Amino acid sequence: MRFILGFFSGLLGALAGWAGLAALVVLLAGPDRDGGIAMGAFFNIGPVGGVVGLIAGLWLLMRFGLVRNATPAPAGVIPDATPRGVTRLSFPFATTVLLIVAGLTYWGWYEFIRSPNLSHGFMTLQIEFRLPTGMSLPDKEEDVRIEVEEATGYANAMLPPNWRAHDGDRKAIISTVALMYKTRHRAVSLTLPVVPTQRWSIDLPADPDPTPGFSPWRLASNGSPAGIEMHFRLSADR
């Protein structure tokens, strides 16, 4: 029985230490632009917390988790010098273990359900920008920076080979980005060399369906007078 309790206590401690340290690193690092901090925290730093949690789980079980209750000797029997007892799991320790299990289960469930890939497969957001008449496009791709904010993370939109486009006599920019989370908070920003950063909100529900076409053209929501417009379309694997 002690071996089984020790195994599960060490395993639970390792999981709690791994997840706790990784979450702490992500929290201290702030918003992640491409998921690199979260991946590094989970796979590179998290195992250190897992080792510490494993040792802590075993130590806490032996120190506080197991208690011995002395059992009285039957009537008419002379007790031995060493009283007999029954080892049981401490109630406060068991309650703490259940709370940790519930927390880890909820965290795993929350991370699992908020991925849009569960409903529609890989989802791609195509974003196009239309410049005012007479404004020229940058010569180099590196001069165009498009960031998509989703929940508390950031991702850099990709520019395809044909990213330089036009709509009549107006120049345009084509870009794509993959959606990663179920969230109502989505926004996109565009930064060009001679134009201050423009920002638009992405009006999609938390768990969006693919859109039948592009949304209407909209000016930036931050009140910039540059006159750049944006519209988007969402597609999915299924």
Protein backbone atom coordinates (compact mmCIF):
# COMPACT_ATOMS: atom_id res chain seq x y z
CA MET A 1 0.00 0.00 0.00
CA ARG A 2 2.82 2.39 0.81
CA PHE A 3 4.43 1.70 -2.54
CA ILE A 4 1.20 2.55 -4.41
CA LEU A 5 0.68 5.74 -2.40
CA GLY A 6 4.30 6.71 -2.93
CA PHE A 7 4.08 6.11 -6.68
CA PHE A 8 0.97 8.25 -7.14
CA SER A 9 2.22 10.93 -4.75
CA GLY A 10 5.50 11.22 -6.63
CA LEU A 11 3.74 11.22 -10.01
CA LEU A 12 1.31 13.89 -8.90
CA GLY A 13 4.12 15.98 -7.46
CA ALA A 14 6.07 15.71 -10.72
CA LEU A 15 3.06 16.79 -12.79
CA ALA A 16 2.28 19.68 -10.44
CA GLY A 17 5.89 20.85 -10.35
CA TRP A 18 6.27 20.58 -14.14
CA ALA A 19 3.07 22.49 -14.90
CA GLY A 20 3.55 25.01 -12.07
CA LEU A 21 7.08 26.02 -13.05
CA ALA A 22 6.20 26.25 -16.74
CA ALA A 23 3.13 28.40 -15.97
CA LEU A 24 5.21 30.66 -13.70
CA VAL A 25 7.81 31.25 -16.44
CA VAL A 26 5.10 32.08 -18.98
CA LEU A 27 3.42 34.42 -16.50
CA LEU A 28 6.64 36.28 -15.70
CA ALA A 29 7.69 36.46 -19.36
CA GLY A 30 4.48 38.23 -20.39
CA PRO A 31 2.68 37.95 -23.76
CA ASP A 32 4.26 35.47 -26.15
CA ARG A 33 4.48 36.57 -29.80
CA ASP A 34 4.98 33.20 -31.46
CA GLY A 35 4.51 30.54 -28.78
CA GLY A 36 8.27 30.07 -28.32
CA ILE A 37 8.27 31.09 -24.66
CA ALA A 38 5.45 28.72 -23.80
CA MET A 39 7.07 25.81 -25.66
CA GLY A 40 10.46 26.47 -24.10
CA ALA A 41 8.96 26.83 -20.63
CA PHE A 42 7.07 23.55 -20.92
CA PHE A 43 9.71 21.36 -22.54
CA ASN A 44 12.99 22.92 -21.33
CA ILE A 45 12.25 24.42 -17.91
CA GLY A 46 9.21 22.37 -16.88
CA PRO A 47 11.19 19.11 -16.35
CA VAL A 48 13.23 20.83 -13.61
CA GLY A 49 10.01 21.54 -11.76
CA GLY A 50 8.97 17.94 -12.41
CA VAL A 51 12.05 16.56 -10.64
CA VAL A 52 11.58 18.94 -7.70
CA GLY A 53 7.89 18.05 -7.55
CA LEU A 54 8.67 14.32 -7.57
CA ILE A 55 11.00 14.64 -4.59
CA ALA A 56 8.62 16.99 -2.79
CA GLY A 57 5.67 14.66 -3.34
CA LEU A 58 7.49 11.67 -1.83
CA TRP A 59 8.83 13.71 1.09
CA LEU A 60 5.43 15.24 1.90
CA LEU A 61 3.80 11.82 1.83
CA MET A 62 6.30 10.34 4.28
CA ARG A 63 6.36 13.47 6.47
CA PHE A 64 2.70 14.46 6.60
CA GLY A 65 0.66 12.06 4.49
CA LEU A 66 0.84 8.87 6.56
CA VAL A 67 -0.32 8.76 10.17
CA ARG A 68 -0.43 5.81 12.54
CA ASN A 69 -3.36 5.18 14.86
CA ALA A 70 -2.64 3.04 17.88
CA THR A 71 -5.10 0.16 18.34
CA PRO A 72 -5.94 -1.01 21.87
CA ALA A 73 -5.13 -4.60 22.76
CA PRO A 74 -8.06 -7.00 23.14
CA ALA A 75 -9.51 -7.47 26.64
CA GLY A 76 -7.49 -9.87 28.78
CA VAL A 77 -4.40 -9.61 26.59
CA ILE A 78 -1.24 -8.06 27.97
CA PRO A 79 -0.01 -5.46 25.39
CA ASP A 80 3.50 -5.65 23.99
CA ALA A 81 6.06 -3.02 24.75
CA THR A 82 5.52 -1.54 21.24
CA PRO A 83 1.87 -0.66 20.64
CA ARG A 84 0.30 -1.90 17.45
CA GLY A 85 -1.21 0.60 15.03
CA VAL A 86 -2.90 1.06 11.69
CA THR A 87 -1.35 3.33 9.08
CA ARG A 88 -3.79 5.54 7.19
CA LEU A 89 -3.69 8.53 4.89
CA SER A 90 -3.90 11.92 6.57
CA PHE A 91 -7.18 13.73 5.84
CA PRO A 92 -5.55 17.18 5.24
CA PHE A 93 -3.01 15.56 2.91
CA ALA A 94 -5.72 13.69 1.01
CA THR A 95 -7.75 16.90 0.66
CA THR A 96 -4.71 18.75 -0.70
CA VAL A 97 -4.05 15.95 -3.20
CA LEU A 98 -7.64 16.07 -4.43
CA LEU A 99 -7.45 19.85 -4.90
CA ILE A 100 -4.22 19.52 -6.89
CA VAL A 101 -5.74 16.79 -9.07
CA ALA A 102 -8.82 18.94 -9.68
CA GLY A 103 -6.67 21.95 -10.59
CA LEU A 104 -4.49 19.99 -13.02
CA THR A 105 -7.54 18.34 -14.59
CA TYR A 106 -9.26 21.69 -15.11
CA TRP A 107 -6.11 23.25 -16.57
CA GLY A 108 -5.65 20.37 -19.01
CA TRP A 109 -9.31 20.44 -20.00
CA TYR A 110 -9.23 24.21 -20.51
CA GLU A 111 -6.12 24.08 -22.71
CA PHE A 112 -7.65 21.21 -24.69
CA ILE A 113 -11.06 22.71 -25.46
CA ARG A 114 -9.86 26.18 -26.43
CA SER A 115 -7.99 24.94 -29.49
CA PRO A 116 -10.05 25.71 -32.62
CA ASN A 117 -8.57 22.65 -34.31
CA LEU A 118 -11.05 20.49 -32.35
CA SER A 119 -14.02 21.85 -34.29
CA HIS A 120 -12.89 22.76 -37.79
CA GLY A 121 -9.35 21.46 -38.15
CA PHE A 122 -6.52 23.79 -39.10
CA MET A 123 -8.00 27.31 -39.44
CA THR A 124 -6.36 30.01 -41.55
CA LEU A 125 -7.14 33.70 -41.30
CA GLN A 126 -6.41 35.55 -44.54
CA ILE A 127 -5.92 39.28 -43.93
CA GLU A 128 -5.66 41.87 -46.70
CA PHE A 129 -4.77 45.55 -46.40
CA ARG A 130 -5.68 48.22 -48.97
CA LEU A 131 -3.53 51.35 -49.05
CA PRO A 132 -4.88 54.79 -49.99
CA THR A 133 -4.57 55.99 -53.57
CA GLY A 134 -1.02 57.14 -54.29
CA MET A 135 0.63 55.27 -51.37
CA SER A 136 3.35 52.86 -52.49
CA LEU A 137 4.17 49.44 -51.09
CA PRO A 138 7.54 48.79 -49.40
CA ASP A 139 10.17 47.26 -51.65
CA LYS A 140 11.18 44.55 -49.18
CA GLU A 141 9.11 42.02 -47.27
CA GLU A 142 11.10 42.77 -44.10
CA ASP A 143 9.63 46.28 -44.06
CA VAL A 144 6.12 44.93 -43.50
CA ARG A 145 5.24 43.76 -39.98
CA ILE A 146 1.83 42.26 -39.33
CA GLU A 147 1.01 40.99 -35.84
CA VAL A 148 -2.15 39.13 -34.85
CA GLU A 149 -3.10 39.27 -31.19
CA GLU A 150 -5.13 36.33 -29.94
CA ALA A 151 -6.05 36.07 -26.24
CA THR A 152 -2.75 36.96 -24.52
CA GLY A 153 -0.45 35.76 -27.31
CA TYR A 154 0.92 37.23 -30.51
CA ALA A 155 1.74 35.71 -33.88
CA ASN A 156 3.47 37.19 -36.92
CA ALA A 157 1.42 36.84 -40.08
CA MET A 158 3.07 35.18 -43.07
CA LEU A 159 3.48 36.98 -46.38
CA PRO A 160 3.04 34.68 -49.41
CA PRO A 161 5.16 35.11 -52.54
CA ASN A 162 2.39 37.22 -54.11
CA TRP A 163 1.98 39.46 -51.06
CA ARG A 164 2.23 42.58 -53.24
CA ALA A 165 -1.21 43.06 -54.81
CA HIS A 166 -3.56 45.80 -55.93
CA ASP A 167 -7.27 46.67 -55.96
CA GLY A 168 -7.79 48.89 -58.96
CA ASP A 169 -5.37 51.79 -58.60
CA ARG A 170 -4.80 51.08 -54.90
CA LYS A 171 -1.90 48.94 -53.66
CA ALA A 172 -2.68 46.02 -51.34
CA ILE A 173 -0.94 43.53 -49.04
CA ILE A 174 -1.92 39.87 -48.66
CA SER A 175 -1.06 37.88 -45.50
CA THR A 176 -2.17 34.73 -43.65
CA VAL A 177 -2.00 33.47 -40.07
CA ALA A 178 -3.18 30.34 -38.24
CA LEU A 179 -5.66 30.70 -35.38
CA MET A 180 -4.53 28.99 -32.19
CA TYR A 181 -7.15 29.65 -29.47
CA LYS A 182 -10.84 29.91 -28.80
CA THR A 183 -11.18 33.50 -27.64
CA ARG A 184 -13.24 36.61 -28.33
CA HIS A 185 -10.17 38.85 -28.14
CA ARG A 186 -8.50 39.04 -31.55
CA ALA A 187 -6.82 42.01 -33.20
CA VAL A 188 -4.36 42.70 -36.02
CA SER A 189 -1.80 45.48 -36.38
CA LEU A 190 0.13 46.66 -39.44
CA THR A 191 3.42 48.57 -39.29
CA LEU A 192 5.02 50.11 -42.38
CA PRO A 193 8.23 52.20 -42.59
CA VAL A 194 6.54 55.58 -43.11
CA VAL A 195 3.20 54.90 -41.42
CA PRO A 196 2.48 54.62 -37.68
CA THR A 197 1.14 51.29 -36.48
CA GLN A 198 -2.46 50.67 -37.53
CA ARG A 199 -4.72 48.41 -35.44
CA TRP A 200 -8.00 46.65 -36.18
CA SER A 201 -10.18 44.35 -34.11
CA ILE A 202 -11.09 40.97 -35.64
CA ASP A 203 -14.83 40.51 -35.23
CA LEU A 204 -15.13 36.75 -34.79
CA PRO A 205 -16.84 34.66 -32.10
CA ALA A 206 -14.76 32.66 -29.63
CA ASP A 207 -15.27 29.43 -31.61
CA PRO A 208 -15.63 30.79 -35.16
CA ASP A 209 -16.99 29.05 -38.23
CA PRO A 210 -15.38 29.62 -41.63
CA THR A 211 -16.66 32.78 -43.28
CA PRO A 212 -18.35 32.62 -46.70
CA GLY A 213 -16.22 35.49 -47.99
CA PHE A 214 -14.24 38.54 -46.98
CA SER A 215 -15.57 40.96 -44.41
CA PRO A 216 -16.25 44.57 -45.46
CA TRP A 217 -13.26 46.91 -45.71
CA ARG A 218 -12.69 48.83 -42.47
CA LEU A 219 -10.44 51.67 -41.41
CA ALA A 220 -8.14 51.24 -38.42
CA SER A 221 -9.90 51.27 -35.06
CA ASN A 222 -7.19 53.34 -33.35
CA GLY A 223 -8.26 56.48 -35.21
CA SER A 224 -5.15 56.83 -37.40
CA PRO A 225 -5.60 59.18 -40.38
CA ALA A 226 -3.43 57.04 -42.68
CA GLY A 227 -6.49 55.71 -44.52
CA ILE A 228 -5.35 52.07 -44.73
CA GLU A 229 -8.24 49.59 -44.83
CA MET A 230 -8.39 45.93 -43.79
CA HIS A 231 -10.69 42.98 -44.41
CA PHE A 232 -10.36 39.27 -43.61
CA ARG A 233 -11.64 35.81 -44.47
CA LEU A 234 -11.50 32.61 -42.35
CA SER A 235 -11.10 29.17 -43.89
CA ALA A 236 -10.72 25.70 -42.35
CA ASP A 237 -9.77 22.13 -43.20
CA ARG A 238 -13.26 20.83 -42.50
